[in-house]
PDB file of N, CA and C in Angstrom:
ATOM      1  N   MET A   1       2.097-178.044  96.873  1.00  0.00           N
ATOM      2  CA  MET A   1       2.276-176.594  97.200  1.00  0.00           C
ATOM      3  C   MET A   1       2.407-175.745  95.946  1.00  0.00           C
ATOM      4  N   ILE A   2       1.927-174.408  96.137  1.00  0.00           N
ATOM      5  CA  ILE A   2       2.227-173.524  94.812  1.00  0.00           C
ATOM      6  C   ILE A   2       3.008-172.303  95.559  1.00  0.00           C
ATOM      7  N   GLY A   3       4.117-172.075  94.702  1.00  0.00           N
ATOM      8  CA  GLY A   3       4.998-170.972  95.347  1.00  0.00           C
ATOM      9  C   GLY A   3       4.427-169.769  94.742  1.00  0.00           C
ATOM     10  N   THR A   4       5.108-168.578  95.161  1.00  0.00           N
ATOM     11  CA  THR A   4       4.709-167.285  94.823  1.00  0.00           C
ATOM     12  C   THR A   4       4.837-167.046  93.549  1.00  0.00           C
ATOM     13  N   ASP A   5       5.787-167.815  92.667  1.00  0.00           N
ATOM     14  CA  ASP A   5       5.661-167.404  91.366  1.00  0.00           C
ATOM     15  C   ASP A   5       4.433-168.486  90.692  1.00  0.00           C
ATOM     16  N   GLY A   6       3.658-169.095  91.203  1.00  0.00           N
ATOM     17  CA  GLY A   6       2.533-169.688  90.740  1.00  0.00           C
ATOM     18  C   GLY A   6       2.799-171.175  90.335  1.00  0.00           C
ATOM     19  N   THR A   7       3.977-171.753  90.530  1.00  0.00           N
ATOM     20  CA  THR A   7       4.680-172.953  90.111  1.00  0.00           C
ATOM     21  C   THR A   7       4.180-173.857  91.254  1.00  0.00           C
ATOM     22  N   LYS A   8       3.535-174.827  90.907  1.00  0.00           N
ATOM     23  CA  LYS A   8       3.027-176.146  91.843  1.00  0.00           C
ATOM     24  C   LYS A   8       4.182-177.186  91.958  1.00  0.00           C
ATOM     25  N   ILE A   9       4.521-177.430  93.040  1.00  0.00           N
ATOM     26  CA  ILE A   9       5.334-178.617  93.650  1.00  0.00           C
ATOM     27  C   ILE A   9       4.519-179.643  94.352  1.00  0.00           C
ATOM     28  N   SER A  10       4.433-180.969  93.764  1.00  0.00           N
ATOM     29  CA  SER A  10       3.920-182.126  94.459  1.00  0.00           C
ATOM     30  C   SER A  10       4.921-182.924  94.915  1.00  0.00           C
ATOM     31  N   PHE A  11       4.524-183.885  95.884  1.00  0.00           N
ATOM     32  CA  PHE A  11       5.549-184.987  96.268  1.00  0.00           C
ATOM     33  C   PHE A  11       4.675-186.311  96.878  1.00  0.00           C
ATOM     34  N   GLY A  12       5.183-187.119  96.771  1.00  0.00           N
ATOM     35  CA  GLY A  12       4.610-188.403  97.316  1.00  0.00           C
ATOM     36  C   GLY A  12       5.378-188.677  98.576  1.00  0.00           C
ATOM     37  N   ARG A  13       4.755-189.427  99.669  1.00  0.00           N
ATOM     38  CA  ARG A  13       5.489-189.791 100.803  1.00  0.00           C
ATOM     39  C   ARG A  13       5.672-191.271 100.764  1.00  0.00           C
ATOM     40  N   ASN A  14       4.847-192.149  99.924  1.00  0.00           N
ATOM     41  CA  ASN A  14       5.130-193.381 100.074  1.00  0.00           C
ATOM     42  C   ASN A  14       5.063-193.869  98.640  1.00  0.00           C
ATOM     43  N   ASN A  15       5.507-194.985  98.457  1.00  0.00           N
ATOM     44  CA  ASN A  15       5.541-195.830  97.077  1.00  0.00           C
ATOM     45  C   ASN A  15       4.195-195.803  96.011  1.00  0.00           C
ATOM     46  N   LEU A  16       3.025-195.669  96.911  1.00  0.00           N
ATOM     47  CA  LEU A  16       1.941-195.668  95.985  1.00  0.00           C
ATOM     48  C   LEU A  16       1.591-194.068  95.707  1.00  0.00           C
ATOM     49  N   GLN A  17       1.851-193.207  96.466  1.00  0.00           N
ATOM     50  CA  GLN A  17       1.800-191.844  96.146  1.00  0.00           C
ATOM     51  C   GLN A  17       2.709-191.568  94.923  1.00  0.00           C
ATOM     52  N   ASN A  18       4.151-191.999  95.116  1.00  0.00           N
ATOM     53  CA  ASN A  18       5.133-191.946  94.076  1.00  0.00           C
ATOM     54  C   ASN A  18       4.768-192.286  92.825  1.00  0.00           C
ATOM     55  N   GLU A  19       4.186-193.384  92.853  1.00  0.00           N
ATOM     56  CA  GLU A  19       3.392-194.085  91.567  1.00  0.00           C
ATOM     57  C   GLU A  19       2.476-193.188  90.945  1.00  0.00           C
ATOM     58  N   ALA A  20       1.325-192.821  91.921  1.00  0.00           N
ATOM     59  CA  ALA A  20       0.382-191.880  91.217  1.00  0.00           C
ATOM     60  C   ALA A  20       0.815-190.728  90.804  1.00  0.00           C
ATOM     61  N   LEU A  21       1.759-189.759  91.461  1.00  0.00           N
ATOM     62  CA  LEU A  21       2.246-188.665  90.941  1.00  0.00           C
ATOM     63  C   LEU A  21       3.125-188.905  89.671  1.00  0.00           C
ATOM     64  N   THR A  22       4.043-189.746  89.597  1.00  0.00           N
ATOM     65  CA  THR A  22       4.842-189.718  88.468  1.00  0.00           C
ATOM     66  C   THR A  22       4.162-190.128  87.363  1.00  0.00           C
ATOM     67  N   TRP A  23       3.204-191.268  87.243  1.00  0.00           N
ATOM     68  CA  TRP A  23       2.686-191.746  86.138  1.00  0.00           C
ATOM     69  C   TRP A  23       1.303-191.257  85.740  1.00  0.00           C
ATOM     70  N   HIS A  24       0.535-190.772  86.739  1.00  0.00           N
ATOM     71  CA  HIS A  24      -0.655-190.334  86.741  1.00  0.00           C
ATOM     72  C   HIS A  24      -0.987-188.881  86.680  1.00  0.00           C
ATOM     73  N   LEU A  25      -0.306-188.173  87.380  1.00  0.00           N
ATOM     74  CA  LEU A  25      -0.509-186.799  87.742  1.00  0.00           C
ATOM     75  C   LEU A  25       0.568-185.791  86.952  1.00  0.00           C
ATOM     76  N   ALA A  26       1.603-186.324  86.845  1.00  0.00           N
ATOM     77  CA  ALA A  26       2.632-185.469  86.185  1.00  0.00           C
ATOM     78  C   ALA A  26       2.448-185.531  84.696  1.00  0.00           C
ATOM     79  N   LYS A  27       2.922-184.330  83.856  1.00  0.00           N
ATOM     80  CA  LYS A  27       2.799-184.272  82.584  1.00  0.00           C
ATOM     81  C   LYS A  27       4.319-184.802  82.124  1.00  0.00           C
ATOM     82  N   LYS A  28       4.467-185.309  80.928  1.00  0.00           N
ATOM     83  CA  LYS A  28       5.664-185.720  80.437  1.00  0.00           C
ATOM     84  C   LYS A  28       6.814-184.572  80.625  1.00  0.00           C
ATOM     85  N   SER A  29       6.277-183.442  80.071  1.00  0.00           N
ATOM     86  CA  SER A  29       7.095-182.292  80.157  1.00  0.00           C
ATOM     87  C   SER A  29       7.790-181.776  81.408  1.00  0.00           C
ATOM     88  N   GLU A  30       7.270-182.134  82.532  1.00  0.00           N
ATOM     89  CA  GLU A  30       7.348-181.467  83.798  1.00  0.00           C
ATOM     90  C   GLU A  30       8.607-182.423  84.510  1.00  0.00           C
ATOM     91  N   ILE A  31       9.263-181.456  85.565  1.00  0.00           N
ATOM     92  CA  ILE A  31      10.487-181.768  86.095  1.00  0.00           C
ATOM     93  C   ILE A  31      10.205-182.773  87.263  1.00  0.00           C
ATOM     94  N   TRP A  32      10.873-183.791  87.107  1.00  0.00           N
ATOM     95  CA  TRP A  32      10.810-184.919  88.326  1.00  0.00           C
ATOM     96  C   TRP A  32      12.297-184.949  89.077  1.00  0.00           C
ATOM     97  N   LEU A  33      11.917-185.007  90.648  1.00  0.00           N
ATOM     98  CA  LEU A  33      13.395-185.225  91.140  1.00  0.00           C
ATOM     99  C   LEU A  33      13.230-186.271  92.354  1.00  0.00           C
ATOM    100  N   HIS A  34      14.221-186.663  92.734  1.00  0.00           N
ATOM    101  CA  HIS A  34      14.433-188.047  93.291  1.00  0.00           C
ATOM    102  C   HIS A  34      15.871-188.019  94.105  1.00  0.00           C
ATOM    103  N   ALA A  35      16.033-188.055  95.622  1.00  0.00           N
ATOM    104  CA  ALA A  35      17.508-188.174  96.296  1.00  0.00           C
ATOM    105  C   ALA A  35      17.763-189.381  95.675  1.00  0.00           C
ATOM    106  N   LYS A  36      19.260-189.177  95.034  1.00  0.00           N
ATOM    107  CA  LYS A  36      20.008-190.355  94.519  1.00  0.00           C
ATOM    108  C   LYS A  36      20.435-191.255  95.692  1.00  0.00           C
ATOM    109  N   ASP A  37      20.122-192.711  95.133  1.00  0.00           N
ATOM    110  CA  ASP A  37      20.652-193.853  96.131  1.00  0.00           C
ATOM    111  C   ASP A  37      19.975-193.706  97.270  1.00  0.00           C
ATOM    112  N   TYR A  38      18.956-193.138  97.577  1.00  0.00           N
ATOM    113  CA  TYR A  38      18.041-193.177  99.211  1.00  0.00           C
ATOM    114  C   TYR A  38      16.671-193.385  98.617  1.00  0.00           C
ATOM    115  N   HIS A  39      15.927-194.297  99.433  1.00  0.00           N
ATOM    116  CA  HIS A  39      14.728-194.392  99.442  1.00  0.00           C
ATOM    117  C   HIS A  39      14.096-193.112  99.832  1.00  0.00           C
ATOM    118  N   GLY A  40      12.919-192.569  99.161  1.00  0.00           N
ATOM    119  CA  GLY A  40      12.380-191.292  99.369  1.00  0.00           C
ATOM    120  C   GLY A  40      11.086-190.853  98.437  1.00  0.00           C
ATOM    121  N   ALA A  41      11.024-189.623  98.588  1.00  0.00           N
ATOM    122  CA  ALA A  41       9.782-189.063  97.848  1.00  0.00           C
ATOM    123  C   ALA A  41       9.995-188.793  96.358  1.00  0.00           C
ATOM    124  N   HIS A  42       9.114-189.030  95.446  1.00  0.00           N
ATOM    125  CA  HIS A  42       9.061-188.397  94.279  1.00  0.00           C
ATOM    126  C   HIS A  42       8.589-187.209  94.385  1.00  0.00           C
ATOM    127  N   VAL A  43       9.341-186.044  93.658  1.00  0.00           N
ATOM    128  CA  VAL A  43       8.978-184.679  93.636  1.00  0.00           C
ATOM    129  C   VAL A  43       8.814-184.427  92.051  1.00  0.00           C
ATOM    130  N   VAL A  44       7.495-183.534  91.921  1.00  0.00           N
ATOM    131  CA  VAL A  44       7.462-183.026  90.566  1.00  0.00           C
ATOM    132  C   VAL A  44       7.123-181.353  90.624  1.00  0.00           C
ATOM    133  N   VAL A  45       8.044-180.918  90.020  1.00  0.00           N
ATOM    134  CA  VAL A  45       7.689-179.202  89.505  1.00  0.00           C
ATOM    135  C   VAL A  45       6.858-179.283  88.349  1.00  0.00           C
ATOM    136  N   HIS A  46       5.620-178.684  88.439  1.00  0.00           N
ATOM    137  CA  HIS A  46       4.735-178.536  87.397  1.00  0.00           C
ATOM    138  C   HIS A  46       5.294-177.581  86.555  1.00  0.00           C
ATOM    139  N   ALA A  47       6.323-177.473  85.843  1.00  0.00           N
ATOM    140  CA  ALA A  47       6.645-176.534  84.959  1.00  0.00           C
ATOM    141  C   ALA A  47       7.560-177.168  84.149  1.00  0.00           C
ATOM    142  N   ASP A  48       7.799-176.828  82.747  1.00  0.00           N
ATOM    143  CA  ASP A  48       8.670-177.251  81.715  1.00  0.00           C
ATOM    144  C   ASP A  48      10.177-176.927  81.991  1.00  0.00           C
ATOM    145  N   ALA A  49      10.239-175.560  82.393  1.00  0.00           N
ATOM    146  CA  ALA A  49      11.627-175.091  82.767  1.00  0.00           C
ATOM    147  C   ALA A  49      11.376-174.034  83.926  1.00  0.00           C
ATOM    148  N   PRO A  50      11.478-174.718  85.143  1.00  0.00           N
ATOM    149  CA  PRO A  50      11.108-174.107  86.407  1.00  0.00           C
ATOM    150  C   PRO A  50      12.367-173.205  86.432  1.00  0.00           C
ATOM    151  N   ARG A  51      12.199-171.991  87.369  1.00  0.00           N
ATOM    152  CA  ARG A  51      13.360-171.241  87.741  1.00  0.00           C
ATOM    153  C   ARG A  51      14.171-172.013  88.854  1.00  0.00           C
ATOM    154  N   LYS A  52      15.580-171.375  88.928  1.00  0.00           N
ATOM    155  CA  LYS A  52      16.649-172.316  89.598  1.00  0.00           C
ATOM    156  C   LYS A  52      16.083-172.104  91.099  1.00  0.00           C
ATOM    157  N   ARG A  53      15.507-171.378  91.561  1.00  0.00           N
ATOM    158  CA  ARG A  53      15.281-171.130  92.832  1.00  0.00           C
ATOM    159  C   ARG A  53      13.875-172.556  93.284  1.00  0.00           C
ATOM    160  N   ARG A  54      13.329-172.451  92.284  1.00  0.00           N
ATOM    161  CA  ARG A  54      12.021-173.314  92.499  1.00  0.00           C
ATOM    162  C   ARG A  54      12.678-175.010  92.305  1.00  0.00           C
ATOM    163  N   LEU A  55      13.693-174.888  91.535  1.00  0.00           N
ATOM    164  CA  LEU A  55      14.217-176.453  91.298  1.00  0.00           C
ATOM    165  C   LEU A  55      15.003-176.676  92.737  1.00  0.00           C
ATOM    166  N   ARG A  56      15.663-175.755  93.276  1.00  0.00           N
ATOM    167  CA  ARG A  56      16.284-175.889  94.514  1.00  0.00           C
ATOM    168  C   ARG A  56      15.648-176.337  95.516  1.00  0.00           C
ATOM    169  N   LEU A  57      14.424-175.581  95.638  1.00  0.00           N
ATOM    170  CA  LEU A  57      13.247-175.907  96.522  1.00  0.00           C
ATOM    171  C   LEU A  57      12.785-177.277  96.467  1.00  0.00           C
ATOM    172  N   ALA A  58      12.380-177.727  95.178  1.00  0.00           N
ATOM    173  CA  ALA A  58      11.890-179.117  95.008  1.00  0.00           C
ATOM    174  C   ALA A  58      13.093-179.937  95.211  1.00  0.00           C
ATOM    175  N   ALA A  59      14.323-179.845  95.213  1.00  0.00           N
ATOM    176  CA  ALA A  59      15.366-180.735  95.436  1.00  0.00           C
ATOM    177  C   ALA A  59      15.623-180.958  96.871  1.00  0.00           C
ATOM    178  N   MET A  60      15.257-179.840  97.717  1.00  0.00           N
ATOM    179  CA  MET A  60      15.297-179.796  99.230  1.00  0.00           C
ATOM    180  C   MET A  60      14.156-180.651  99.655  1.00  0.00           C
ATOM    181  N   ILE A  61      13.049-180.643  99.299  1.00  0.00           N
ATOM    182  CA  ILE A  61      12.134-181.495  99.295  1.00  0.00           C
ATOM    183  C   ILE A  61      12.478-183.006  99.205  1.00  0.00           C
ATOM    184  N   ALA A  62      12.791-183.078  98.111  1.00  0.00           N
ATOM    185  CA  ALA A  62      13.275-184.496  97.893  1.00  0.00           C
ATOM    186  C   ALA A  62      14.488-184.979  98.692  1.00  0.00           C
ATOM    187  N   ALA A  63      15.332-184.294  99.120  1.00  0.00           N
ATOM    188  CA  ALA A  63      16.414-184.585  99.901  1.00  0.00           C
ATOM    189  C   ALA A  63      15.642-184.737 101.607  1.00  0.00           C
ATOM    190  N   TYR A  64      15.222-183.792 101.740  1.00  0.00           N
ATOM    191  CA  TYR A  64      14.360-183.803 103.423  1.00  0.00           C
ATOM    192  C   TYR A  64      13.598-185.147 103.570  1.00  0.00           C
ATOM    193  N   TYR A  65      12.584-185.511 102.312  1.00  0.00           N
ATOM    194  CA  TYR A  65      11.753-186.956 102.503  1.00  0.00           C
ATOM    195  C   TYR A  65      12.379-187.839 101.887  1.00  0.00           C
ATOM    196  N   SER A  66      13.512-187.972 102.058  1.00  0.00           N
ATOM    197  CA  SER A  66      14.487-189.198 101.996  1.00  0.00           C
ATOM    198  C   SER A  66      15.097-189.914 103.043  1.00  0.00           C
ATOM    199  N   LYS A  67      15.873-190.904 102.838  1.00  0.00           N
ATOM    200  CA  LYS A  67      16.650-191.380 104.104  1.00  0.00           C
ATOM    201  C   LYS A  67      18.002-190.679 104.274  1.00  0.00           C
ATOM    202  N   GLY A  68      18.155-189.862 103.197  1.00  0.00           N
ATOM    203  CA  GLY A  68      19.281-189.052 103.351  1.00  0.00           C
ATOM    204  C   GLY A  68      18.986-187.515 104.184  1.00  0.00           C
ATOM    205  N   ARG A  69      17.995-187.610 104.926  1.00  0.00           N
ATOM    206  CA  ARG A  69      17.504-186.232 105.419  1.00  0.00           C
ATOM    207  C   ARG A  69      18.471-185.591 106.254  1.00  0.00           C
ATOM    208  N   ASN A  70      19.367-186.493 107.166  1.00  0.00           N
ATOM    209  CA  ASN A  70      20.306-185.900 108.091  1.00  0.00           C
ATOM    210  C   ASN A  70      21.648-185.742 107.574  1.00  0.00           C
ATOM    211  N   SER A  71      21.747-186.077 106.114  1.00  0.00           N
ATOM    212  CA  SER A  71      23.082-185.629 105.455  1.00  0.00           C
ATOM    213  C   SER A  71      23.253-184.320 105.019  1.00  0.00           C
ATOM    214  N   SER A  72      24.279-183.994 104.808  1.00  0.00           N
ATOM    215  CA  SER A  72      24.706-182.528 104.096  1.00  0.00           C
ATOM    216  C   SER A  72      24.971-183.006 102.587  1.00  0.00           C
ATOM    217  N   SER A  73      24.677-182.047 101.846  1.00  0.00           N
ATOM    218  CA  SER A  73      25.099-182.136 100.290  1.00  0.00           C
ATOM    219  C   SER A  73      24.439-183.297  99.610  1.00  0.00           C
ATOM    220  N   VAL A  74      23.051-183.488  99.671  1.00  0.00           N
ATOM    221  CA  VAL A  74      22.492-184.759  99.244  1.00  0.00           C
ATOM    222  C   VAL A  74      22.287-184.679  97.779  1.00  0.00           C
ATOM    223  N   PRO A  75      22.697-185.820  96.950  1.00  0.00           N
ATOM    224  CA  PRO A  75      22.624-185.899  95.615  1.00  0.00           C
ATOM    225  C   PRO A  75      21.192-185.730  95.274  1.00  0.00           C
ATOM    226  N   VAL A  76      20.541-185.116  94.200  1.00  0.00           N
ATOM    227  CA  VAL A  76      19.158-185.263  93.900  1.00  0.00           C
ATOM    228  C   VAL A  76      19.239-185.256  92.509  1.00  0.00           C
ATOM    229  N   ASN A  77      18.690-186.433  91.895  1.00  0.00           N
ATOM    230  CA  ASN A  77      18.558-186.433  90.295  1.00  0.00           C
ATOM    231  C   ASN A  77      17.346-185.741  89.958  1.00  0.00           C
ATOM    232  N   TRP A  78      17.561-185.154  88.788  1.00  0.00           N
ATOM    233  CA  TRP A  78      15.923-184.483  88.288  1.00  0.00           C
ATOM    234  C   TRP A  78      16.092-184.729  86.884  1.00  0.00           C
ATOM    235  N   CYS A  79      15.066-184.752  86.261  1.00  0.00           N
ATOM    236  CA  CYS A  79      14.927-184.917  84.486  1.00  0.00           C
ATOM    237  C   CYS A  79      13.523-184.629  84.275  1.00  0.00           C
ATOM    238  N   PRO A  80      13.035-184.483  83.024  1.00  0.00           N
ATOM    239  CA  PRO A  80      11.630-184.374  82.496  1.00  0.00           C
ATOM    240  C   PRO A  80      11.147-185.881  82.972  1.00  0.00           C
ATOM    241  N   VAL A  81       9.796-185.948  83.217  1.00  0.00           N
ATOM    242  CA  VAL A  81       9.117-186.918  83.490  1.00  0.00           C
ATOM    243  C   VAL A  81       9.055-187.795  82.282  1.00  0.00           C
ATOM    244  N   SER A  82       9.256-187.397  80.974  1.00  0.00           N
ATOM    245  CA  SER A  82       9.379-188.254  79.776  1.00  0.00           C
ATOM    246  C   SER A  82      10.639-188.915  79.901  1.00  0.00           C
ATOM    247  N   HIS A  83      11.811-188.736  80.538  1.00  0.00           N
ATOM    248  CA  HIS A  83      12.970-189.470  80.628  1.00  0.00           C
ATOM    249  C   HIS A  83      12.782-190.666  81.489  1.00  0.00           C
ATOM    250  N   LEU A  84      11.908-190.835  82.126  1.00  0.00           N
ATOM    251  CA  LEU A  84      11.793-191.992  83.268  1.00  0.00           C
ATOM    252  C   LEU A  84      11.045-193.104  82.342  1.00  0.00           C
ATOM    253  N   LYS A  85      11.171-194.339  83.032  1.00  0.00           N
ATOM    254  CA  LYS A  85      10.633-195.810  82.364  1.00  0.00           C
ATOM    255  C   LYS A  85      10.215-196.410  83.673  1.00  0.00           C
ATOM    256  N   LYS A  86       9.012-197.194  83.462  1.00  0.00           N
ATOM    257  CA  LYS A  86       8.551-197.887  84.657  1.00  0.00           C
ATOM    258  C   LYS A  86       9.478-199.461  84.468  1.00  0.00           C
ATOM    259  N   ILE A  87       9.677-199.943  85.517  1.00  0.00           N
ATOM    260  CA  ILE A  87      10.584-201.039  85.638  1.00  0.00           C
ATOM    261  C   ILE A  87       9.585-202.118  85.615  1.00  0.00           C
ATOM    262  N   PRO A  88       9.295-203.067  84.478  1.00  0.00           N
ATOM    263  CA  PRO A  88       8.640-204.130  84.408  1.00  0.00           C
ATOM    264  C   PRO A  88       8.878-205.147  85.719  1.00  0.00           C
ATOM    265  N   GLY A  89       7.581-205.259  86.527  1.00  0.00           N
ATOM    266  CA  GLY A  89       7.577-206.339  87.712  1.00  0.00           C
ATOM    267  C   GLY A  89       8.170-205.588  88.796  1.00  0.00           C
ATOM    268  N   ALA A  90       8.552-204.506  88.835  1.00  0.00           N
ATOM    269  CA  ALA A  90       8.921-203.906  90.077  1.00  0.00           C
ATOM    270  C   ALA A  90       7.893-203.280  90.883  1.00  0.00           C
ATOM    271  N   LYS A  91       8.282-203.057  92.158  1.00  0.00           N
ATOM    272  CA  LYS A  91       7.291-202.556  93.260  1.00  0.00           C
ATOM    273  C   LYS A  91       6.845-201.125  92.789  1.00  0.00           C
ATOM    274  N   PRO A  92       5.654-200.871  93.124  1.00  0.00           N
ATOM    275  CA  PRO A  92       5.148-199.306  92.841  1.00  0.00           C
ATOM    276  C   PRO A  92       6.281-198.201  92.840  1.00  0.00           C
ATOM    277  N   GLY A  93       6.447-197.184  92.359  1.00  0.00           N
ATOM    278  CA  GLY A  93       7.217-196.216  92.678  1.00  0.00           C
ATOM    279  C   GLY A  93       8.556-196.281  92.027  1.00  0.00           C
ATOM    280  N   MET A  94       8.898-197.691  91.677  1.00  0.00           N
ATOM    281  CA  MET A  94      10.428-197.587  90.950  1.00  0.00           C
ATOM    282  C   MET A  94      10.434-197.377  89.654  1.00  0.00           C
ATOM    283  N   VAL A  95      11.427-196.492  89.522  1.00  0.00           N
ATOM    284  CA  VAL A  95      11.865-195.925  87.876  1.00  0.00           C
ATOM    285  C   VAL A  95      13.126-196.214  87.538  1.00  0.00           C
ATOM    286  N   GLN A  96      13.120-196.199  86.306  1.00  0.00           N
ATOM    287  CA  GLN A  96      14.573-196.245  85.555  1.00  0.00           C
ATOM    288  C   GLN A  96      14.672-194.839  84.916  1.00  0.00           C
ATOM    289  N   LEU A  97      15.790-194.320  85.250  1.00  0.00           N
ATOM    290  CA  LEU A  97      15.965-192.859  84.730  1.00  0.00           C
ATOM    291  C   LEU A  97      16.915-193.017  83.392  1.00  0.00           C
ATOM    292  N   GLY A  98      16.476-191.871  82.514  1.00  0.00           N
ATOM    293  CA  GLY A  98      17.285-192.165  81.262  1.00  0.00           C
ATOM    294  C   GLY A  98      18.400-190.895  81.548  1.00  0.00           C
ATOM    295  N   ALA A  99      18.399-189.823  80.569  1.00  0.00           N
ATOM    296  CA  ALA A  99      19.311-188.771  80.738  1.00  0.00           C
ATOM    297  C   ALA A  99      18.621-187.988  81.684  1.00  0.00           C
ATOM    298  N   TYR A 100      19.485-187.435  82.893  1.00  0.00           N
ATOM    299  CA  TYR A 100      19.323-186.635  84.136  1.00  0.00           C
ATOM    300  C   TYR A 100      20.482-186.011  84.501  1.00  0.00           C
ATOM    301  N   LYS A 101      20.289-184.941  85.337  1.00  0.00           N
ATOM    302  CA  LYS A 101      21.062-184.015  85.922  1.00  0.00           C
ATOM    303  C   LYS A 101      21.433-184.453  87.500  1.00  0.00           C
ATOM    304  N   THR A 102      22.055-184.162  88.135  1.00  0.00           N
ATOM    305  CA  THR A 102      22.216-184.240  89.666  1.00  0.00           C
ATOM    306  C   THR A 102      22.586-182.731  90.418  1.00  0.00           C
ATOM    307  N   ILE A 103      21.832-182.480  91.239  1.00  0.00           N
ATOM    308  CA  ILE A 103      21.884-181.418  91.976  1.00  0.00           C
ATOM    309  C   ILE A 103      22.259-181.798  93.448  1.00  0.00           C
ATOM    310  N   TYR A 104      23.105-180.850  94.249  1.00  0.00           N
ATOM    311  CA  TYR A 104      23.513-181.204  95.482  1.00  0.00           C
ATOM    312  C   TYR A 104      22.813-180.240  96.509  1.00  0.00           C
ATOM    313  N   ILE A 105      22.324-180.607  97.580  1.00  0.00           N
ATOM    314  CA  ILE A 105      21.324-179.797  98.252  1.00  0.00           C
ATOM    315  C   ILE A 105      21.553-180.258 100.023  1.00  0.00           C
ATOM    316  N   ASP A 106      21.562-179.107 100.611  1.00  0.00           N
ATOM    317  CA  ASP A 106      21.388-179.531 102.229  1.00  0.00           C
ATOM    318  C   ASP A 106      19.894-179.235 102.516  1.00  0.00           C
ATOM    319  N   PRO A 107      19.484-180.348 103.079  1.00  0.00           N
ATOM    320  CA  PRO A 107      17.928-180.141 103.727  1.00  0.00           C
ATOM    321  C   PRO A 107      17.980-179.160 105.006  1.00  0.00           C
ATOM    322  N   GLU A 108      17.224-177.748 104.550  1.00  0.00           N
ATOM    323  CA  GLU A 108      17.318-176.824 105.507  1.00  0.00           C
ATOM    324  C   GLU A 108      15.496-176.818 105.983  1.00  0.00           C
ATOM    325  N   ILE A 109      15.502-177.314 107.294  1.00  0.00           N
ATOM    326  CA  ILE A 109      14.286-177.325 107.791  1.00  0.00           C
ATOM    327  C   ILE A 109      13.716-175.887 107.695  1.00  0.00           C
ATOM    328  N   ASN A 110      14.106-174.732 108.185  1.00  0.00           N
ATOM    329  CA  ASN A 110      13.828-173.430 108.230  1.00  0.00           C
ATOM    330  C   ASN A 110      13.280-173.051 106.838  1.00  0.00           C
ATOM    331  N   GLU A 111      14.204-173.583 105.695  1.00  0.00           N
ATOM    332  CA  GLU A 111      13.577-173.196 104.421  1.00  0.00           C
ATOM    333  C   GLU A 111      12.213-173.808 104.073  1.00  0.00           C
ATOM    334  N   LEU A 112      12.414-175.067 104.581  1.00  0.00           N
ATOM    335  CA  LEU A 112      11.186-175.634 103.852  1.00  0.00           C
ATOM    336  C   LEU A 112       9.805-175.149 104.680  1.00  0.00           C
ATOM    337  N   GLN A 113       9.976-174.747 106.198  1.00  0.00           N
ATOM    338  CA  GLN A 113       8.899-174.266 107.002  1.00  0.00           C
ATOM    339  C   GLN A 113       8.259-172.864 106.332  1.00  0.00           C
ATOM    340  N   ARG A 114       9.263-172.584 106.054  1.00  0.00           N
ATOM    341  CA  ARG A 114       9.007-171.136 105.351  1.00  0.00           C
ATOM    342  C   ARG A 114       8.019-171.048 104.054  1.00  0.00           C
ATOM    343  N   PHE A 115       8.153-172.151 103.447  1.00  0.00           N
ATOM    344  CA  PHE A 115       7.371-172.541 102.238  1.00  0.00           C
ATOM    345  C   PHE A 115       5.904-173.398 102.810  1.00  0.00           C
ATOM    346  N   GLY A 116       5.840-173.597 104.247  1.00  0.00           N
ATOM    347  CA  GLY A 116       4.624-174.277 104.493  1.00  0.00           C
ATOM    348  C   GLY A 116       4.824-175.903 104.203  1.00  0.00           C
ATOM    349  N   ILE A 117       5.965-176.424 104.084  1.00  0.00           N
ATOM    350  CA  ILE A 117       6.151-177.802 104.092  1.00  0.00           C
ATOM    351  C   ILE A 117       6.120-178.304 105.288  1.00  0.00           C
ATOM    352  N   ASP A 118       5.493-179.537 105.605  1.00  0.00           N
ATOM    353  CA  ASP A 118       5.285-180.166 107.039  1.00  0.00           C
ATOM    354  C   ASP A 118       6.562-181.127 107.115  1.00  0.00           C
ATOM    355  N   VAL A 119       7.253-180.432 108.157  1.00  0.00           N
ATOM    356  CA  VAL A 119       8.599-181.013 108.622  1.00  0.00           C
ATOM    357  C   VAL A 119       8.407-181.664 109.983  1.00  0.00           C
ATOM    358  N   GLY A 120       7.165-182.176 110.269  1.00  0.00           N
ATOM    359  CA  GLY A 120       6.993-182.830 111.537  1.00  0.00           C
ATOM    360  C   GLY A 120       7.470-184.404 111.668  1.00  0.00           C
TER     361      GLY A 120
END
């Protein structure tokens, strides 16, 4: 999806899509997000320094497309793609984080729908 500010956000909905997004489509300087301690989507904001509103939307996508979907205040880790490492021998989509930050977000269906995100 592309936001009103022109910043693109992409996300994977399974381990193979997550793998392709993180290691083949995203640039090292772009921002990667994933719900902490939950299986779920990898989300990439295709910008080096996204605006806070865009980062919060991406975190909401990561929270919604995770096993924490029905929780409140879901922790979502984020960092530049360059801070990720592939785990040797691990399943596709598994990563190890270097330095990262955490944002806490409530998955709001109405907000996601407003941006055209499929919440079906």
